[in-house]
Amino acid sequence: IQGKGVTETPPGYLKAAQDLLRKHKALLIADEVQTGLGRTGDFYAYQHEEGVEPDLVCVAKSLSGGYVPVSATLGKEWIFKKVYSSMDRVLVHSASFGANAQAMAA
């Protein structure tokens, strides 16, 4: 994986973090911008550890093969409903890659 480097977590780390976060009713967010979409062998890097299920997953870069700036945040339905529950909530999200016509045409 190119970039500034990726730190591999020791076995059991992500599961322990997930358990602690669940205990305190906090979200587990997986940053898969550099590691996701098959770059580590599994579709997502967090899948190397059994039983880990993030609440949100951030992906980018390899969505377009690095050709155009595109990214996505994947999340569970209950989180989406909490954030975007009504029309007055639709503008709570902005994007650094927003309004890129080439990315959306691809």
Foldseek 3Di string as FASTA:
>chain_A
DDDPDDDDDDAPPQVVVVVVCVVVVHFFEAEQAPPACCNVNDRGPVVVHPPHDGQKYKYWCCVVVNPAGDIDIDGDPVVVCVQPVDPVRPPVDDDPRPPDVVVVVD
